[in-house]
Amino acid sequence: MYISKTVAKKMLKSAGAERVGDDAVKAFQAQLEKIAYSVAVKAVRLSKHAKRKTVEESDVKLAFQ
């Protein structure tokens, strides 16, 4: 997994959770990675469409829309 359990747990805690179960961390991790991968694919597609090899900030922002 690309997103560590520690980071996922910290995100849930910073959102207000007092306690976070291991199964919740794993589920959150998996969903975050699906979303992140989807955005990454879209960003790469946008940069290729613009005939660039470099993915830029604007590509990532557009991919999130």
Protein backbone atom coordinates (compact mmCIF):
# COMPACT_ATOMS: atom_id res chain seq x y z
CA MET A 1 0.00 0.00 0.00
CA TYR A 2 1.17 3.51 -0.78
CA ILE A 3 -0.52 5.25 2.13
CA SER A 4 0.77 4.02 5.46
CA LYS A 5 -1.47 2.87 8.29
CA THR A 6 0.01 5.60 10.46
CA VAL A 7 -0.96 8.36 8.03
CA ALA A 8 -4.46 6.95 7.55
CA LYS A 9 -4.97 6.70 11.30
CA LYS A 10 -3.68 10.26 11.84
CA MET A 11 -6.12 11.54 9.23
CA LEU A 12 -9.06 9.86 10.94
CA LYS A 13 -7.96 11.16 14.33
CA SER A 14 -7.48 14.69 13.02
CA ALA A 15 -11.04 14.48 11.66
CA GLY A 16 -12.23 13.98 15.23
CA ALA A 17 -12.11 10.24 15.96
CA GLU A 18 -11.11 9.42 19.51
CA ARG A 19 -10.34 5.79 18.73
CA VAL A 20 -9.80 4.06 15.40
CA GLY A 21 -10.03 0.31 14.83
CA ASP A 22 -7.51 -1.54 12.67
CA ASP A 23 -10.25 -2.64 10.28
CA ALA A 24 -11.34 0.99 9.84
CA VAL A 25 -7.76 2.03 9.09
CA LYS A 26 -7.41 -0.69 6.44
CA ALA A 27 -10.73 0.23 4.81
CA PHE A 28 -9.86 3.94 4.85
CA GLN A 29 -6.43 3.18 3.37
CA ALA A 30 -7.93 1.13 0.56
CA GLN A 31 -10.49 3.79 -0.35
CA LEU A 32 -7.90 6.59 -0.29
CA GLU A 33 -5.65 4.61 -2.58
CA LYS A 34 -8.46 3.96 -5.07
CA ILE A 35 -9.25 7.67 -5.20
CA ALA A 36 -5.58 8.68 -5.41
CA TYR A 37 -4.84 6.18 -8.20
CA SER A 38 -7.84 7.36 -10.19
CA VAL A 39 -6.70 10.98 -9.90
CA ALA A 40 -3.14 10.00 -10.86
CA VAL A 41 -4.36 8.25 -14.02
CA LYS A 42 -6.45 11.28 -14.99
CA ALA A 43 -3.55 13.67 -14.33
CA VAL A 44 -1.20 11.61 -16.51
CA ARG A 45 -3.82 11.48 -19.25
CA LEU A 46 -4.17 15.28 -19.10
CA SER A 47 -0.41 15.84 -19.35
CA LYS A 48 -0.15 13.47 -22.31
CA HIS A 49 -3.06 15.24 -24.00
CA ALA A 50 -1.10 18.49 -23.60
CA LYS A 51 1.88 16.71 -25.22
CA ARG A 52 3.98 16.95 -22.08
CA LYS A 53 5.97 14.27 -20.30
CA THR A 54 5.79 16.10 -16.98
CA VAL A 55 2.65 16.00 -14.85
CA GLU A 56 2.08 19.50 -13.52
CA GLU A 57 0.09 20.92 -10.64
CA SER A 58 -2.61 22.08 -13.04
CA ASP A 59 -3.06 18.51 -14.30
CA VAL A 60 -3.59 17.24 -10.77
CA LYS A 61 -6.04 20.03 -9.94
CA LEU A 62 -8.03 19.37 -13.12
CA ALA A 63 -8.03 15.63 -12.41
CA PHE A 64 -9.74 16.28 -9.07
CA GLN A 65 -12.62 18.17 -10.71
